[in-house]
Amino acid sequence: MLFQGRYDKARKLQKERMQGQDRAVDEENLEDKIEKNDTLAMILSALLVFLPAAILILGAVALLGYLFVVRP
């Protein structure tokens, strides 16, 4: 890593500052924090974000294919 020394120093300082505090979310109690329909909401929001971008990219690739095949 390019700045490994600085990264290690920053992580050490962060661990010292967080010594007495609990983490906001741990892996084992994550299911306690998520409500019933949160998973569905996350899936729908991901579709709303990534689907339009994927459609634009697919449209650009299709347009390039059209231009190379139909217009020699």
Protein backbone atom coordinates (compact mmCIF):
# COMPACT_ATOMS: atom_id res chain seq x y z
CA MET A 1 0.00 0.00 0.00
CA LEU A 2 1.25 3.45 -0.79
CA PHE A 3 0.66 5.08 2.62
CA GLN A 4 0.80 1.98 4.84
CA GLY A 5 2.60 3.76 7.69
CA ARG A 6 0.09 6.60 7.84
CA TYR A 7 -2.78 4.12 7.62
CA ASP A 8 -1.43 2.05 10.49
CA LYS A 9 -0.88 5.17 12.59
CA ALA A 10 -4.42 6.42 11.92
CA ARG A 11 -5.95 3.01 12.76
CA LYS A 12 -3.97 2.86 16.01
CA LEU A 13 -5.16 6.36 16.98
CA GLN A 14 -8.73 5.45 16.11
CA LYS A 15 -8.59 2.30 18.25
CA GLU A 16 -7.20 4.32 21.17
CA ARG A 17 -10.02 6.88 20.90
CA MET A 18 -12.70 4.16 20.64
CA GLN A 19 -11.33 2.17 23.58
CA GLY A 20 -14.33 2.50 25.91
CA GLN A 21 -17.04 2.85 23.28
CA ASP A 22 -19.03 0.12 21.58
CA ARG A 23 -19.23 -0.15 17.83
CA ALA A 24 -22.44 1.08 16.24
CA VAL A 25 -23.21 -2.18 14.45
CA ASP A 26 -21.57 -5.56 14.95
CA GLU A 27 -22.01 -8.53 12.67
CA GLU A 28 -23.71 -10.64 15.32
CA ASN A 29 -26.38 -8.10 16.29
CA LEU A 30 -27.05 -6.78 12.80
CA GLU A 31 -30.24 -8.85 12.51
CA ASP A 32 -31.57 -7.16 15.66
CA LYS A 33 -31.16 -3.73 14.05
CA ILE A 34 -32.78 -4.57 10.70
CA GLU A 35 -36.55 -4.36 10.65
CA LYS A 36 -38.91 -6.59 8.71
CA ASN A 37 -39.07 -4.75 5.37
CA ASP A 38 -35.60 -3.19 5.41
CA THR A 39 -34.18 -5.89 3.15
CA LEU A 40 -36.89 -5.30 0.56
CA ALA A 41 -36.31 -1.56 0.75
CA MET A 42 -32.56 -2.01 0.22
CA ILE A 43 -33.14 -4.25 -2.79
CA LEU A 44 -35.60 -1.81 -4.35
CA SER A 45 -33.32 1.17 -3.78
CA ALA A 46 -30.40 -0.73 -5.32
CA LEU A 47 -32.56 -1.47 -8.37
CA LEU A 48 -33.53 2.20 -8.63
CA VAL A 49 -29.87 3.21 -8.56
CA PHE A 50 -28.22 0.55 -10.73
CA LEU A 51 -30.93 -0.32 -13.25
CA PRO A 52 -31.00 3.05 -15.07
CA ALA A 53 -27.21 3.04 -15.33
CA ALA A 54 -27.24 -0.51 -16.68
CA ILE A 55 -29.93 0.41 -19.22
CA LEU A 56 -27.86 3.40 -20.40
CA ILE A 57 -24.74 1.28 -20.79
CA LEU A 58 -26.65 -1.45 -22.61
CA GLY A 59 -28.22 1.16 -24.89
CA ALA A 60 -24.81 2.65 -25.71
CA VAL A 61 -23.40 -0.80 -26.54
CA ALA A 62 -26.44 -1.58 -28.69
CA LEU A 63 -26.09 1.75 -30.49
CA LEU A 64 -22.41 1.09 -31.20
CA GLY A 65 -23.29 -2.38 -32.48
CA TYR A 66 -26.00 -0.91 -34.69
CA LEU A 67 -23.62 1.69 -36.11
CA PHE A 68 -20.96 -0.91 -36.90
CA VAL A 69 -23.31 -3.45 -38.47
CA VAL A 70 -25.92 -1.36 -40.32
CA ARG A 71 -23.74 1.56 -41.38
CA PRO A 72 -20.61 0.07 -42.98
